[in-house]
Amino acid sequence: MKRFHIHVGVKDLNNSIQFYSTLFGQGPTKVKDDYAKWMLEDPRINFAISTRSGKEGVDHLGLQVDEGHELAEISERLKKADLGVFDEGSTTCCYAESDKAWVKDPAGIAWETYHTMADAETFNEKLKQESLPNACCPPKATNTKTGCC
């Protein structure tokens, strides 16, 4: 089963948590000093906010899958679109251990497809938290290996 994902960059995490908790009628399922996430069933969405994106507003969109074979299926469909899929593979990002791939759509919007296996205590294992300027790090160019963190 798939879940739509939206990651929004915010300036004030606490005010944003209050707003989105009111909007969704529930508090976040995960809160860190720089990040919050709601795993909603109605609508079925993984909605995340963070102060890490370097901008306010939509940082990236995505599809989260429950099974690894679903990720492979989506990745194959994206490859057929011939937009330069960046297969990131296993990574720790956004306080989760995941397998993921990235693509930018024709309008330049970053799309993340991923399968989360476990929670993580750090935002990112590849770079120190303090030095990471981006949220869950869409690739700067889909043909280079500069994706999540």
Foldseek 3Di string as FASTA:
>chain_A
DKAKEWEWEDQDVVVVQVVVCVVLVHGFPDDDPFKTWHCDVVVRHIYMYGNQALDGTTNAIEMEDADPVVQVVVVVVVVVVVQQKAFQAWWAAQQFTWGWIWGAPPVRGIYIYIYTDGGHPARGDVDHPVPRRRHQADDPGSNDNRGGD
